[in-house]
N, C-alpha and C. Protein backbone atom coordinates (compact mmCIF):
# COMPACT_ATOMS: atom_id res chain seq x y z
N MET A 1 236.40 155.25 184.51
CA MET A 1 235.66 155.87 183.82
C MET A 1 236.19 157.26 183.29
N PRO A 2 236.25 157.68 181.74
CA PRO A 2 236.71 159.02 181.55
C PRO A 2 235.88 159.91 182.04
N ASN A 3 236.48 161.21 181.86
CA ASN A 3 236.31 162.54 182.43
C ASN A 3 235.54 162.85 181.21
N VAL A 4 234.16 163.39 181.71
CA VAL A 4 233.36 163.81 180.84
C VAL A 4 232.71 165.37 181.04
N SER A 5 232.96 166.26 180.57
CA SER A 5 232.63 167.86 181.09
C SER A 5 231.14 167.72 181.44
N GLU A 6 230.89 168.62 182.50
CA GLU A 6 229.26 169.08 182.71
C GLU A 6 228.47 169.34 181.96
N PRO A 7 229.02 170.32 181.06
CA PRO A 7 228.22 170.98 180.11
C PRO A 7 227.98 169.86 179.12
N ALA A 8 228.55 168.64 178.60
CA ALA A 8 228.26 167.44 177.72
C ALA A 8 227.20 166.50 178.33
N ILE A 9 227.29 166.53 179.69
CA ILE A 9 226.27 165.65 180.47
C ILE A 9 224.99 166.49 180.72
N ALA A 10 224.50 167.67 181.11
CA ALA A 10 223.73 168.53 181.20
C ALA A 10 223.03 168.44 179.59
N ASP A 11 224.08 168.68 178.95
CA ASP A 11 223.26 168.71 177.39
C ASP A 11 222.54 166.99 177.08
N LEU A 12 223.28 166.07 177.32
CA LEU A 12 222.63 164.87 177.24
C LEU A 12 221.38 164.78 178.21
N ARG A 13 221.57 165.20 179.47
CA ARG A 13 220.36 164.97 180.32
C ARG A 13 219.03 165.91 179.57
N ALA A 14 219.29 167.04 179.11
CA ALA A 14 218.24 168.04 178.66
C ALA A 14 217.63 167.36 177.44
N GLU A 15 218.26 166.91 176.58
CA GLU A 15 218.09 165.79 175.45
C GLU A 15 217.13 164.78 175.38
N LEU A 16 217.75 163.89 176.50
CA LEU A 16 216.50 162.94 177.22
C LEU A 16 215.62 163.13 177.59
N LEU A 17 215.43 164.30 178.46
CA LEU A 17 214.16 164.93 178.92
C LEU A 17 213.31 165.20 177.75
N SER A 18 213.72 166.15 176.68
CA SER A 18 212.88 166.23 175.53
C SER A 18 212.35 164.77 174.78
N PHE A 19 213.34 164.19 174.68
CA PHE A 19 212.82 162.76 173.84
C PHE A 19 211.69 162.17 174.76
N LYS A 20 211.71 161.80 176.24
CA LYS A 20 210.72 161.31 176.73
C LYS A 20 209.54 162.13 176.60
N GLN A 21 209.56 163.34 176.56
CA GLN A 21 208.26 164.54 176.62
C GLN A 21 207.70 164.46 174.87
N ALA A 22 208.55 164.09 174.04
CA ALA A 22 208.10 164.03 172.59
C ALA A 22 206.71 163.16 172.49
N SER A 23 206.08 163.62 171.33
CA SER A 23 205.03 162.64 170.97
C SER A 23 204.67 162.73 169.61
N GLY A 24 204.49 162.05 168.37
CA GLY A 24 203.98 162.23 167.29
C GLY A 24 205.06 162.81 166.34
N ALA A 25 204.93 163.48 165.87
CA ALA A 25 205.97 163.99 164.43
C ALA A 25 207.35 164.84 165.67
N GLN A 26 206.95 165.14 166.64
CA GLN A 26 208.27 165.47 167.57
C GLN A 26 209.23 164.61 167.69
N TRP A 27 208.90 163.37 168.03
CA TRP A 27 209.45 162.27 168.39
C TRP A 27 210.70 161.84 167.56
N ALA A 28 210.68 161.98 166.24
CA ALA A 28 211.54 161.87 165.26
C ALA A 28 212.68 162.72 165.25
N CYS A 29 212.29 164.19 165.65
CA CYS A 29 213.48 165.33 165.79
C CYS A 29 214.10 164.83 167.24
N ALA A 30 213.12 164.53 167.84
CA ALA A 30 213.70 164.29 169.43
C ALA A 30 214.91 163.24 169.31
N ALA A 31 214.48 162.21 168.73
CA ALA A 31 215.43 160.86 168.85
C ALA A 31 216.59 161.40 167.90
N VAL A 32 216.61 162.07 166.65
CA VAL A 32 218.12 162.85 166.10
C VAL A 32 218.68 163.59 167.13
N GLN A 33 218.03 164.39 167.71
CA GLN A 33 218.63 165.13 168.91
C GLN A 33 219.38 164.40 170.03
N LEU A 34 218.73 163.50 170.28
CA LEU A 34 219.31 162.57 171.47
C LEU A 34 220.36 161.89 171.04
N ALA A 35 220.42 161.17 169.69
CA ALA A 35 221.58 160.76 169.05
C ALA A 35 222.55 161.45 169.09
N GLY A 36 222.38 162.57 168.76
CA GLY A 36 223.55 163.61 168.58
C GLY A 36 224.43 163.92 169.77
N ALA A 37 223.37 164.17 170.76
CA ALA A 37 223.88 164.45 172.19
C ALA A 37 224.81 163.08 172.77
N VAL A 38 224.23 161.91 172.30
CA VAL A 38 225.12 160.59 172.76
C VAL A 38 226.18 160.60 171.98
N GLU A 39 226.53 160.88 170.71
CA GLU A 39 227.32 161.04 170.05
C GLU A 39 228.64 161.90 170.49
N ALA A 40 228.06 163.07 170.68
CA ALA A 40 228.92 164.30 171.31
C ALA A 40 229.70 163.77 172.48
N LEU A 41 228.80 163.19 173.34
CA LEU A 41 229.26 162.78 174.59
C LEU A 41 230.50 161.52 174.51
N LEU A 42 230.15 160.65 173.95
CA LEU A 42 230.81 159.52 173.63
C LEU A 42 232.24 160.32 172.79
N GLU A 43 232.18 161.03 171.67
CA GLU A 43 233.48 161.45 171.19
C GLU A 43 234.41 162.19 172.55
N GLU A 44 233.79 162.87 173.40
CA GLU A 44 234.19 163.73 174.30
C GLU A 44 235.11 162.83 175.22
N ALA A 45 234.26 161.94 175.73
CA ALA A 45 235.04 160.48 176.32
C ALA A 45 235.76 160.10 175.60
N GLU A 46 235.90 159.53 174.37
CA GLU A 46 237.13 159.15 173.62
C GLU A 46 238.30 160.04 173.13
N GLY A 47 238.07 161.54 173.77
CA GLY A 47 239.06 162.37 173.59
C GLY A 47 239.04 163.08 171.81
N TYR A 48 238.06 162.85 171.43
CA TYR A 48 238.45 163.67 169.90
C TYR A 48 238.00 165.08 169.97
């Protein structure tokens, strides 16, 4: 498994929590932020 920094994992966990708690109009924004956090984590894992 690739090494990923603790801050990247913490960011992903925070965005996931926000996504789980979002509702209504907030849901779309939370989904975009979660997708961004996942993308950043994948880029870090791939070494970009």
